[in-house]
Amino acid sequence: MCVRISFVYGMCDRSTRQYLWNDLIHCADQFRPDPWVVMGDFNVTRYGSEHTSSRTITKAMQDFNKALTSAELEDLTSSGLHYTWSNTRTGTEAIAKKLDKALGN
């Protein structure tokens, strides 16, 4: 059995990330018969619960979730810290997000 593993980095710019989403969908079509894990920094959250300062579902989040649905990828169970990025500020200026994740088909 072949297990495919891909490491990704999502650019900060929403429009540039579209190339990554298209690549994920293309690879999913190629890798469908095999187990596939995709992990890395996607630079976007999936759900409002993955962001400490806003629960708003943005267009970028919608784009990400649409691509994952098309690619038939789901979050893999993780342990440890929930948030993987912070702006290192404290108090009301503090922001934390879950940008790094592992996904599988």
PDB file of N, CA and C in Angstrom:
ATOM      1  N   MET A   1       0.836  -1.169   0.000  1.00  0.00           N
ATOM      2  CA  MET A   1       0.000   0.000   0.000  1.00  0.00           C
ATOM      3  C   MET A   1       0.890   1.244   0.000  1.00  0.00           C
ATOM      4  N   CYS A   2       0.468   2.226  -0.742  1.00  0.00           N
ATOM      5  CA  CYS A   2       1.169   3.503  -0.844  1.00  0.00           C
ATOM      6  C   CYS A   2       0.406   4.551  -0.025  1.00  0.00           C
ATOM      7  N   VAL A   3       1.112   5.256   0.848  1.00  0.00           N
ATOM      8  CA  VAL A   3       0.525   6.374   1.591  1.00  0.00           C
ATOM      9  C   VAL A   3       1.183   7.642   1.074  1.00  0.00           C
ATOM     10  N   ARG A   4       0.393   8.566   0.630  1.00  0.00           N
ATOM     11  CA  ARG A   4       0.915   9.821   0.092  1.00  0.00           C
ATOM     12  C   ARG A   4       0.871  10.885   1.179  1.00  0.00           C
ATOM     13  N   ILE A   5       1.958  11.663   1.272  1.00  0.00           N
ATOM     14  CA  ILE A   5       2.045  12.740   2.260  1.00  0.00           C
ATOM     15  C   ILE A   5       2.491  13.998   1.536  1.00  0.00           C
ATOM     16  N   SER A   6       1.729  15.063   1.731  1.00  0.00           N
ATOM     17  CA  SER A   6       2.065  16.352   1.117  1.00  0.00           C
ATOM     18  C   SER A   6       2.222  17.400   2.210  1.00  0.00           C
ATOM     19  N   PHE A   7       3.242  18.232   2.075  1.00  0.00           N
ATOM     20  CA  PHE A   7       3.464  19.347   2.987  1.00  0.00           C
ATOM     21  C   PHE A   7       3.169  20.633   2.231  1.00  0.00           C
ATOM     22  N   VAL A   8       2.396  21.513   2.834  1.00  0.00           N
ATOM     23  CA  VAL A   8       1.968  22.716   2.126  1.00  0.00           C
ATOM     24  C   VAL A   8       2.243  23.972   2.942  1.00  0.00           C
ATOM     25  N   TYR A   9       2.314  25.076   2.230  1.00  0.00           N
ATOM     26  CA  TYR A   9       2.342  26.404   2.840  1.00  0.00           C
ATOM     27  C   TYR A   9       1.384  27.280   2.051  1.00  0.00           C
ATOM     28  N   GLY A  10       0.360  27.774   2.716  1.00  0.00           N
ATOM     29  CA  GLY A  10      -0.593  28.673   2.078  1.00  0.00           C
ATOM     30  C   GLY A  10      -0.103  30.106   2.183  1.00  0.00           C
ATOM     31  N   MET A  11      -0.025  30.777   1.080  1.00  0.00           N
ATOM     32  CA  MET A  11       0.421  32.169   1.079  1.00  0.00           C
ATOM     33  C   MET A  11      -0.556  33.037   1.882  1.00  0.00           C
ATOM     34  N   CYS A  12      -0.099  34.184   2.333  1.00  0.00           N
ATOM     35  CA  CYS A  12      -0.931  35.086   3.136  1.00  0.00           C
ATOM     36  C   CYS A  12      -2.048  35.729   2.318  1.00  0.00           C
ATOM     37  N   ASP A  13      -1.843  35.869   1.032  1.00  0.00           N
ATOM     38  CA  ASP A  13      -2.803  36.523   0.158  1.00  0.00           C
ATOM     39  C   ASP A  13      -3.895  35.545  -0.274  1.00  0.00           C
ATOM     40  N   ARG A  14      -5.155  35.922  -0.066  1.00  0.00           N
ATOM     41  CA  ARG A  14      -6.287  35.043  -0.398  1.00  0.00           C
ATOM     42  C   ARG A  14      -6.285  34.608  -1.861  1.00  0.00           C
ATOM     43  N   SER A  15      -6.059  35.536  -2.768  1.00  0.00           N
ATOM     44  CA  SER A  15      -6.119  35.186  -4.193  1.00  0.00           C
ATOM     45  C   SER A  15      -4.983  34.240  -4.578  1.00  0.00           C
ATOM     46  N   THR A  16      -3.827  34.381  -3.965  1.00  0.00           N
ATOM     47  CA  THR A  16      -2.705  33.488  -4.263  1.00  0.00           C
ATOM     48  C   THR A  16      -2.965  32.089  -3.718  1.00  0.00           C
ATOM     49  N   ARG A  17      -3.685  32.004  -2.588  1.00  0.00           N
ATOM     50  CA  ARG A  17      -4.006  30.684  -2.025  1.00  0.00           C
ATOM     51  C   ARG A  17      -4.914  29.878  -2.951  1.00  0.00           C
ATOM     52  N   GLN A  18      -5.629  30.526  -3.859  1.00  0.00           N
ATOM     53  CA  GLN A  18      -6.492  29.806  -4.800  1.00  0.00           C
ATOM     54  C   GLN A  18      -5.695  28.781  -5.608  1.00  0.00           C
ATOM     55  N   TYR A  19      -4.441  29.098  -5.913  1.00  0.00           N
ATOM     56  CA  TYR A  19      -3.599  28.148  -6.646  1.00  0.00           C
ATOM     57  C   TYR A  19      -3.395  26.879  -5.816  1.00  0.00           C
ATOM     58  N   LEU A  20      -3.172  27.044  -4.508  1.00  0.00           N
ATOM     59  CA  LEU A  20      -3.012  25.884  -3.635  1.00  0.00           C
ATOM     60  C   LEU A  20      -4.303  25.083  -3.573  1.00  0.00           C
ATOM     61  N   TRP A  21      -5.441  25.752  -3.441  1.00  0.00           N
ATOM     62  CA  TRP A  21      -6.721  25.031  -3.384  1.00  0.00           C
ATOM     63  C   TRP A  21      -6.940  24.227  -4.671  1.00  0.00           C
ATOM     64  N   ASN A  22      -6.628  24.831  -5.809  1.00  0.00           N
ATOM     65  CA  ASN A  22      -6.770  24.112  -7.087  1.00  0.00           C
ATOM     66  C   ASN A  22      -5.822  22.920  -7.152  1.00  0.00           C
ATOM     67  N   ASP A  23      -4.602  23.092  -6.651  1.00  0.00           N
ATOM     68  CA  ASP A  23      -3.645  21.983  -6.631  1.00  0.00           C
ATOM     69  C   ASP A  23      -4.132  20.846  -5.736  1.00  0.00           C
ATOM     70  N   LEU A  24      -4.717  21.185  -4.580  1.00  0.00           N
ATOM     71  CA  LEU A  24      -5.232  20.149  -3.687  1.00  0.00           C
ATOM     72  C   LEU A  24      -6.331  19.339  -4.366  1.00  0.00           C
ATOM     73  N   ILE A  25      -7.220  20.032  -5.061  1.00  0.00           N
ATOM     74  CA  ILE A  25      -8.312  19.348  -5.762  1.00  0.00           C
ATOM     75  C   ILE A  25      -7.758  18.454  -6.870  1.00  0.00           C
ATOM     76  N   HIS A  26      -6.779  18.957  -7.612  1.00  0.00           N
ATOM     77  CA  HIS A  26      -6.152  18.170  -8.687  1.00  0.00           C
ATOM     78  C   HIS A  26      -5.465  16.931  -8.115  1.00  0.00           C
ATOM     79  N   CYS A  27      -4.682  17.113  -7.052  1.00  0.00           N
ATOM     80  CA  CYS A  27      -3.974  15.975  -6.455  1.00  0.00           C
ATOM     81  C   CYS A  27      -4.954  14.960  -5.877  1.00  0.00           C
ATOM     82  N   ALA A  28      -6.044  15.442  -5.284  1.00  0.00           N
ATOM     83  CA  ALA A  28      -7.036  14.529  -4.720  1.00  0.00           C
ATOM     84  C   ALA A  28      -7.573  13.596  -5.795  1.00  0.00           C
ATOM     85  N   ASP A  29      -7.787  14.123  -6.981  1.00  0.00           N
ATOM     86  CA  ASP A  29      -8.260  13.290  -8.082  1.00  0.00           C
ATOM     87  C   ASP A  29      -7.222  12.232  -8.456  1.00  0.00           C
ATOM     88  N   GLN A  30      -5.947  12.605  -8.405  1.00  0.00           N
ATOM     89  CA  GLN A  30      -4.875  11.679  -8.757  1.00  0.00           C
ATOM     90  C   GLN A  30      -4.634  10.638  -7.660  1.00  0.00           C
ATOM     91  N   PHE A  31      -4.792  11.048  -6.385  1.00  0.00           N
ATOM     92  CA  PHE A  31      -4.427  10.197  -5.254  1.00  0.00           C
ATOM     93  C   PHE A  31      -5.610   9.448  -4.659  1.00  0.00           C
ATOM     94  N   ARG A  32      -6.791   9.610  -5.203  1.00  0.00           N
ATOM     95  CA  ARG A  32      -8.007   9.070  -4.587  1.00  0.00           C
ATOM     96  C   ARG A  32      -7.899   7.594  -4.162  1.00  0.00           C
ATOM     97  N   PRO A  33      -7.235   6.721  -4.934  1.00  0.00           N
ATOM     98  CA  PRO A  33      -7.187   5.314  -4.499  1.00  0.00           C
ATOM     99  C   PRO A  33      -6.322   5.076  -3.260  1.00  0.00           C
ATOM    100  N   ASP A  34      -5.459   6.013  -2.911  1.00  0.00           N
ATOM    101  CA  ASP A  34      -4.488   5.817  -1.830  1.00  0.00           C
ATOM    102  C   ASP A  34      -4.792   6.723  -0.638  1.00  0.00           C
ATOM    103  N   PRO A  35      -4.373   6.301   0.554  1.00  0.00           N
ATOM    104  CA  PRO A  35      -4.451   7.204   1.705  1.00  0.00           C
ATOM    105  C   PRO A  35      -3.560   8.425   1.447  1.00  0.00           C
ATOM    106  N   TRP A  36      -4.063   9.610   1.793  1.00  0.00           N
ATOM    107  CA  TRP A  36      -3.330  10.850   1.534  1.00  0.00           C
ATOM    108  C   TRP A  36      -3.443  11.756   2.748  1.00  0.00           C
ATOM    109  N   VAL A  37      -2.314  12.236   3.219  1.00  0.00           N
ATOM    110  CA  VAL A  37      -2.249  13.191   4.329  1.00  0.00           C
ATOM    111  C   VAL A  37      -1.653  14.484   3.793  1.00  0.00           C
ATOM    112  N   VAL A  38      -2.296  15.585   4.110  1.00  0.00           N
ATOM    113  CA  VAL A  38      -1.816  16.923   3.726  1.00  0.00           C
ATOM    114  C   VAL A  38      -1.642  17.711   5.007  1.00  0.00           C
ATOM    115  N   MET A  39      -0.441  18.211   5.241  1.00  0.00           N
ATOM    116  CA  MET A  39      -0.220  18.961   6.476  1.00  0.00           C
ATOM    117  C   MET A  39       0.645  20.185   6.230  1.00  0.00           C
ATOM    118  N   GLY A  40       0.432  21.190   7.072  1.00  0.00           N
ATOM    119  CA  GLY A  40       1.238  22.390   6.975  1.00  0.00           C
ATOM    120  C   GLY A  40       0.498  23.614   7.468  1.00  0.00           C
ATOM    121  N   ASP A  41       1.023  24.757   7.077  1.00  0.00           N
ATOM    122  CA  ASP A  41       0.470  26.063   7.439  1.00  0.00           C
ATOM    123  C   ASP A  41      -0.395  26.538   6.276  1.00  0.00           C
ATOM    124  N   PHE A  42      -1.705  26.518   6.474  1.00  0.00           N
ATOM    125  CA  PHE A  42      -2.632  26.891   5.412  1.00  0.00           C
ATOM    126  C   PHE A  42      -2.924  28.392   5.406  1.00  0.00           C
ATOM    127  N   ASN A  43      -2.515  29.084   6.456  1.00  0.00           N
ATOM    128  CA  ASN A  43      -2.694  30.539   6.585  1.00  0.00           C
ATOM    129  C   ASN A  43      -4.150  30.986   6.496  1.00  0.00           C
ATOM    130  N   VAL A  44      -5.057  30.103   6.878  1.00  0.00           N
ATOM    131  CA  VAL A  44      -6.476  30.444   6.956  1.00  0.00           C
ATOM    132  C   VAL A  44      -7.110  29.445   7.918  1.00  0.00           C
ATOM    133  N   THR A  45      -8.106  29.897   8.661  1.00  0.00           N
ATOM    134  CA  THR A  45      -8.827  29.003   9.555  1.00  0.00           C
ATOM    135  C   THR A  45     -10.034  28.423   8.824  1.00  0.00           C
ATOM    136  N   ARG A  46     -10.552  27.315   9.338  1.00  0.00           N
ATOM    137  CA  ARG A  46     -11.746  26.699   8.746  1.00  0.00           C
ATOM    138  C   ARG A  46     -13.022  27.181   9.405  1.00  0.00           C
ATOM    139  N   TYR A  47     -12.977  27.371  10.722  1.00  0.00           N
ATOM    140  CA  TYR A  47     -14.176  27.663  11.505  1.00  0.00           C
ATOM    141  C   TYR A  47     -13.938  28.871  12.405  1.00  0.00           C
ATOM    142  N   GLY A  48     -15.003  29.520  12.800  1.00  0.00           N
ATOM    143  CA  GLY A  48     -14.900  30.642  13.722  1.00  0.00           C
ATOM    144  C   GLY A  48     -14.244  30.267  15.040  1.00  0.00           C
ATOM    145  N   SER A  49     -14.406  29.032  15.467  1.00  0.00           N
ATOM    146  CA  SER A  49     -13.818  28.568  16.729  1.00  0.00           C
ATOM    147  C   SER A  49     -12.298  28.451  16.672  1.00  0.00           C
ATOM    148  N   GLU A  50     -11.716  28.599  15.488  1.00  0.00           N
ATOM    149  CA  GLU A  50     -10.260  28.513  15.338  1.00  0.00           C
ATOM    150  C   GLU A  50      -9.597  29.895  15.356  1.00  0.00           C
ATOM    151  N   HIS A  51     -10.332  30.902  15.800  1.00  0.00           N
ATOM    152  CA  HIS A  51      -9.858  32.290  15.802  1.00  0.00           C
ATOM    153  C   HIS A  51     -10.353  32.948  17.084  1.00  0.00           C
ATOM    154  N   THR A  52      -9.458  33.533  17.863  1.00  0.00           N
ATOM    155  CA  THR A  52      -9.873  34.079  19.157  1.00  0.00           C
ATOM    156  C   THR A  52     -10.561  35.427  19.083  1.00  0.00           C
ATOM    157  N   SER A  53     -10.332  36.195  18.041  1.00  0.00           N
ATOM    158  CA  SER A  53     -10.862  37.560  18.053  1.00  0.00           C
ATOM    159  C   SER A  53     -12.088  37.762  17.168  1.00  0.00           C
ATOM    160  N   SER A  54     -12.455  36.760  16.377  1.00  0.00           N
ATOM    161  CA  SER A  54     -13.615  36.920  15.500  1.00  0.00           C
ATOM    162  C   SER A  54     -14.203  35.555  15.187  1.00  0.00           C
ATOM    163  N   ARG A  55     -15.513  35.453  15.240  1.00  0.00           N
ATOM    164  CA  ARG A  55     -16.201  34.212  14.879  1.00  0.00           C
ATOM    165  C   ARG A  55     -16.797  34.308  13.479  1.00  0.00           C
ATOM    166  N   THR A  56     -16.502  35.393  12.771  1.00  0.00           N
ATOM    167  CA  THR A  56     -17.040  35.627  11.438  1.00  0.00           C
ATOM    168  C   THR A  56     -16.456  34.641  10.433  1.00  0.00           C
ATOM    169  N   ILE A  57     -17.308  34.075   9.599  1.00  0.00           N
ATOM    170  CA  ILE A  57     -16.863  33.196   8.509  1.00  0.00           C
ATOM    171  C   ILE A  57     -16.564  34.086   7.303  1.00  0.00           C
ATOM    172  N   THR A  58     -15.300  34.150   6.932  1.00  0.00           N
ATOM    173  CA  THR A  58     -14.863  35.026   5.839  1.00  0.00           C
ATOM    174  C   THR A  58     -14.928  34.300   4.498  1.00  0.00           C
ATOM    175  N   LYS A  59     -14.783  35.059   3.414  1.00  0.00           N
ATOM    176  CA  LYS A  59     -14.708  34.471   2.070  1.00  0.00           C
ATOM    177  C   LYS A  59     -13.516  33.526   1.970  1.00  0.00           C
ATOM    178  N   ALA A  60     -12.398  33.888   2.599  1.00  0.00           N
ATOM    179  CA  ALA A  60     -11.212  33.032   2.570  1.00  0.00           C
ATOM    180  C   ALA A  60     -11.498  31.683   3.224  1.00  0.00           C
ATOM    181  N   MET A  61     -12.237  31.704   4.331  1.00  0.00           N
ATOM    182  CA  MET A  61     -12.609  30.466   5.008  1.00  0.00           C
ATOM    183  C   MET A  61     -13.559  29.647   4.137  1.00  0.00           C
ATOM    184  N   GLN A  62     -14.488  30.316   3.490  1.00  0.00           N
ATOM    185  CA  GLN A  62     -15.417  29.624   2.587  1.00  0.00           C
ATOM    186  C   GLN A  62     -14.658  28.968   1.436  1.00  0.00           C
ATOM    187  N   ASP A  63     -13.695  29.691   0.866  1.00  0.00           N
ATOM    188  CA  ASP A  63     -12.873  29.140  -0.227  1.00  0.00           C
ATOM    189  C   ASP A  63     -12.144  27.880   0.238  1.00  0.00           C
ATOM    190  N   PHE A  64     -11.534  27.955   1.425  1.00  0.00           N
ATOM    191  CA  PHE A  64     -10.773  26.834   1.985  1.00  0.00           C
ATOM    192  C   PHE A  64     -11.688  25.628   2.187  1.00  0.00           C
ATOM    193  N   ASN A  65     -12.820  25.831   2.829  1.00  0.00           N
ATOM    194  CA  ASN A  65     -13.735  24.726   3.100  1.00  0.00           C
ATOM    195  C   ASN A  65     -14.307  24.127   1.815  1.00  0.00           C
ATOM    196  N   LYS A  66     -14.566  24.957   0.832  1.00  0.00           N
ATOM    197  CA  LYS A  66     -15.062  24.459  -0.462  1.00  0.00           C
ATOM    198  C   LYS A  66     -14.010  23.569  -1.128  1.00  0.00           C
ATOM    199  N   ALA A  67     -12.742  24.002  -1.079  1.00  0.00           N
ATOM    200  CA  ALA A  67     -11.661  23.206  -1.663  1.00  0.00           C
ATOM    201  C   ALA A  67     -11.505  21.875  -0.929  1.00  0.00           C
ATOM    202  N   LEU A  68     -11.575  21.898   0.398  1.00  0.00           N
ATOM    203  CA  LEU A  68     -11.431  20.663   1.166  1.00  0.00           C
ATOM    204  C   LEU A  68     -12.585  19.704   0.902  1.00  0.00           C
ATOM    205  N   THR A  69     -13.772  20.241   0.748  1.00  0.00           N
ATOM    206  CA  THR A  69     -14.925  19.395   0.407  1.00  0.00           C
ATOM    207  C   THR A  69     -14.720  18.763  -0.964  1.00  0.00           C
ATOM    208  N   SER A  70     -14.278  19.553  -1.941  1.00  0.00           N
ATOM    209  CA  SER A  70     -14.030  19.028  -3.292  1.00  0.00           C
ATOM    210  C   SER A  70     -12.938  17.972  -3.292  1.00  0.00           C
ATOM    211  N   ALA A  71     -11.915  18.185  -2.461  1.00  0.00           N
ATOM    212  CA  ALA A  71     -10.791  17.249  -2.391  1.00  0.00           C
ATOM    213  C   ALA A  71     -11.078  16.073  -1.458  1.00  0.00           C
ATOM    214  N   GLU A  72     -12.230  16.099  -0.803  1.00  0.00           N
ATOM    215  CA  GLU A  72     -12.624  15.065   0.151  1.00  0.00           C
ATOM    216  C   GLU A  72     -11.593  14.904   1.263  1.00  0.00           C
ATOM    217  N   LEU A  73     -11.117  16.038   1.796  1.00  0.00           N
ATOM    218  CA  LEU A  73     -10.163  16.047   2.902  1.00  0.00           C
ATOM    219  C   LEU A  73     -10.863  16.477   4.184  1.00  0.00           C
ATOM    220  N   GLU A  74     -10.482  15.856   5.288  1.00  0.00           N
ATOM    221  CA  GLU A  74     -11.046  16.161   6.601  1.00  0.00           C
ATOM    222  C   GLU A  74      -9.919  16.395   7.591  1.00  0.00           C
ATOM    223  N   ASP A  75     -10.223  17.154   8.634  1.00  0.00           N
ATOM    224  CA  ASP A  75      -9.256  17.360   9.713  1.00  0.00           C
ATOM    225  C   ASP A  75      -8.936  16.028  10.383  1.00  0.00           C
ATOM    226  N   LEU A  76      -7.645  15.775  10.618  1.00  0.00           N
ATOM    227  CA  LEU A  76      -7.236  14.616  11.399  1.00  0.00           C
ATOM    228  C   LEU A  76      -7.213  15.029  12.870  1.00  0.00           C
ATOM    229  N   THR A  77      -7.484  14.112  13.736  1.00  0.00           N
ATOM    230  CA  THR A  77      -7.473  14.393  15.168  1.00  0.00           C
ATOM    231  C   THR A  77      -6.081  14.843  15.581  1.00  0.00           C
ATOM    232  N   SER A  78      -6.051  15.884  16.397  1.00  0.00           N
ATOM    233  CA  SER A  78      -4.757  16.387  16.868  1.00  0.00           C
ATOM    234  C   SER A  78      -4.785  16.534  18.379  1.00  0.00           C
ATOM    235  N   SER A  79      -3.628  16.694  18.964  1.00  0.00           N
ATOM    236  CA  SER A  79      -3.519  16.923  20.397  1.00  0.00           C
ATOM    237  C   SER A  79      -2.546  18.070  20.611  1.00  0.00           C
ATOM    238  N   GLY A  80      -2.530  18.575  21.814  1.00  0.00           N
ATOM    239  CA  GLY A  80      -1.641  19.699  22.110  1.00  0.00           C
ATOM    240  C   GLY A  80      -2.390  21.016  22.042  1.00  0.00           C
ATOM    241  N   LEU A  81      -1.666  22.067  21.753  1.00  0.00           N
ATOM    242  CA  LEU A  81      -2.262  23.398  21.712  1.00  0.00           C
ATOM    243  C   LEU A  81      -3.289  23.507  20.589  1.00  0.00           C
ATOM    244  N   HIS A  82      -4.395  24.170  20.885  1.00  0.00           N
ATOM    245  CA  HIS A  82      -5.436  24.353  19.862  1.00  0.00           C
ATOM    246  C   HIS A  82      -5.008  25.388  18.826  1.00  0.00           C
ATOM    247  N   TYR A  83      -4.429  26.498  19.292  1.00  0.00           N
ATOM    248  CA  TYR A  83      -4.009  27.568  18.382  1.00  0.00           C
ATOM    249  C   TYR A  83      -2.540  27.380  18.021  1.00  0.00           C
ATOM    250  N   THR A  84      -2.208  27.588  16.753  1.00  0.00           N
ATOM    251  CA  THR A  84      -0.844  27.347  16.273  1.00  0.00           C
ATOM    252  C   THR A  84      -0.106  28.628  15.896  1.00  0.00           C
ATOM    253  N   TRP A  85      -0.797  29.765  15.970  1.00  0.00           N
ATOM    254  CA  TRP A  85      -0.191  31.054  15.639  1.00  0.00           C
ATOM    255  C   TRP A  85      -0.751  32.102  16.585  1.00  0.00           C
ATOM    256  N   SER A  86       0.094  33.073  16.942  1.00  0.00           N
ATOM    257  CA  SER A  86      -0.398  34.220  17.710  1.00  0.00           C
ATOM    258  C   SER A  86       0.373  35.458  17.284  1.00  0.00           C
ATOM    259  N   ASN A  87      -0.227  36.610  17.558  1.00  0.00           N
ATOM    260  CA  ASN A  87       0.464  37.862  17.238  1.00  0.00           C
ATOM    261  C   ASN A  87       1.363  38.311  18.389  1.00  0.00           C
ATOM    262  N   THR A  88       1.526  37.481  19.386  1.00  0.00           N
ATOM    263  CA  THR A  88       2.391  37.675  20.562  1.00  0.00           C
ATOM    264  C   THR A  88       2.045  38.915  21.391  1.00  0.00           C
ATOM    265  N   ARG A  89       0.845  39.436  21.235  1.00  0.00           N
ATOM    266  CA  ARG A  89       0.405  40.556  22.061  1.00  0.00           C
ATOM    267  C   ARG A  89      -0.374  40.015  23.252  1.00  0.00           C
ATOM    268  N   THR A  90      -0.627  40.875  24.198  1.00  0.00           N
ATOM    269  CA  THR A  90      -1.373  40.467  25.381  1.00  0.00           C
ATOM    270  C   THR A  90      -2.624  41.318  25.530  1.00  0.00           C
ATOM    271  N   GLY A  91      -3.508  40.858  26.383  1.00  0.00           N
ATOM    272  CA  GLY A  91      -4.721  41.611  26.663  1.00  0.00           C
ATOM    273  C   GLY A  91      -5.677  41.626  25.492  1.00  0.00           C
ATOM    274  N   THR A  92      -6.344  42.765  25.303  1.00  0.00           N
ATOM    275  CA  THR A  92      -7.370  42.876  24.257  1.00  0.00           C
ATOM    276  C   THR A  92      -6.791  42.868  22.845  1.00  0.00           C
ATOM    277  N   GLU A  93      -5.481  43.068  22.711  1.00  0.00           N
ATOM    278  CA  GLU A  93      -4.844  43.058  21.391  1.00  0.00           C
ATOM    279  C   GLU A  93      -4.370  41.671  20.971  1.00  0.00           C
ATOM    280  N   ALA A  94      -4.497  40.694  21.866  1.00  0.00           N
ATOM    281  CA  ALA A  94      -4.024  39.333  21.576  1.00  0.00           C
ATOM    282  C   ALA A  94      -4.936  38.648  20.566  1.00  0.00           C
ATOM    283  N   ILE A  95      -4.314  37.993  19.594  1.00  0.00           N
ATOM    284  CA  ILE A  95      -5.033  37.205  18.587  1.00  0.00           C
ATOM    285  C   ILE A  95      -4.308  35.866  18.461  1.00  0.00           C
ATOM    286  N   ALA A  96      -5.071  34.792  18.434  1.00  0.00           N
ATOM    287  CA  ALA A  96      -4.514  33.459  18.193  1.00  0.00           C
ATOM    288  C   ALA A  96      -5.404  32.755  17.177  1.00  0.00           C
ATOM    289  N   LYS A  97      -4.762  31.936  16.336  1.00  0.00           N
ATOM    290  CA  LYS A  97      -5.498  31.216  15.286  1.00  0.00           C
ATOM    291  C   LYS A  97      -4.935  29.820  15.116  1.00  0.00           C
ATOM    292  N   LYS A  98      -5.747  28.933  14.603  1.00  0.00           N
ATOM    293  CA  LYS A  98      -5.291  27.592  14.234  1.00  0.00           C
ATOM    294  C   LYS A  98      -5.073  27.584  12.720  1.00  0.00           C
ATOM    295  N   LEU A  99      -3.838  27.839  12.305  1.00  0.00           N
ATOM    296  CA  LEU A  99      -3.497  27.911  10.882  1.00  0.00           C
ATOM    297  C   LEU A  99      -2.825  26.634  10.383  1.00  0.00           C
ATOM    298  N   ASP A 100      -2.187  25.918  11.300  1.00  0.00           N
ATOM    299  CA  ASP A 100      -1.476  24.677  10.942  1.00  0.00           C
ATOM    300  C   ASP A 100      -2.391  23.498  11.234  1.00  0.00           C
ATOM    301  N   LYS A 101      -2.443  22.568  10.305  1.00  0.00           N
ATOM    302  CA  LYS A 101      -3.307  21.405  10.508  1.00  0.00           C
ATOM    303  C   LYS A 101      -2.860  20.251   9.639  1.00  0.00           C
ATOM    304  N   ALA A 102      -3.386  19.080   9.987  1.00  0.00           N
ATOM    305  CA  ALA A 102      -3.188  17.872   9.191  1.00  0.00           C
ATOM    306  C   ALA A 102      -4.556  17.412   8.710  1.00  0.00           C
ATOM    307  N   LEU A 103      -4.628  17.112   7.435  1.00  0.00           N
ATOM    308  CA  LEU A 103      -5.870  16.684   6.799  1.00  0.00           C
ATOM    309  C   LEU A 103      -5.648  15.318   6.149  1.00  0.00           C
ATOM    310  N   GLY A 104      -6.708  14.560   6.005  1.00  0.00           N
ATOM    311  CA  GLY A 104      -6.586  13.263   5.355  1.00  0.00           C
ATOM    312  C   GLY A 104      -7.842  12.913   4.586  1.00  0.00           C
ATOM    313  N   ASN A 105      -7.677  12.014   3.613  1.00  0.00           N
ATOM    314  CA  ASN A 105      -8.843  11.588   2.816  1.00  0.00           C
ATOM    315  C   ASN A 105      -9.473  10.331   3.386  1.00  0.00           C
TER     316      ASN A 105
END
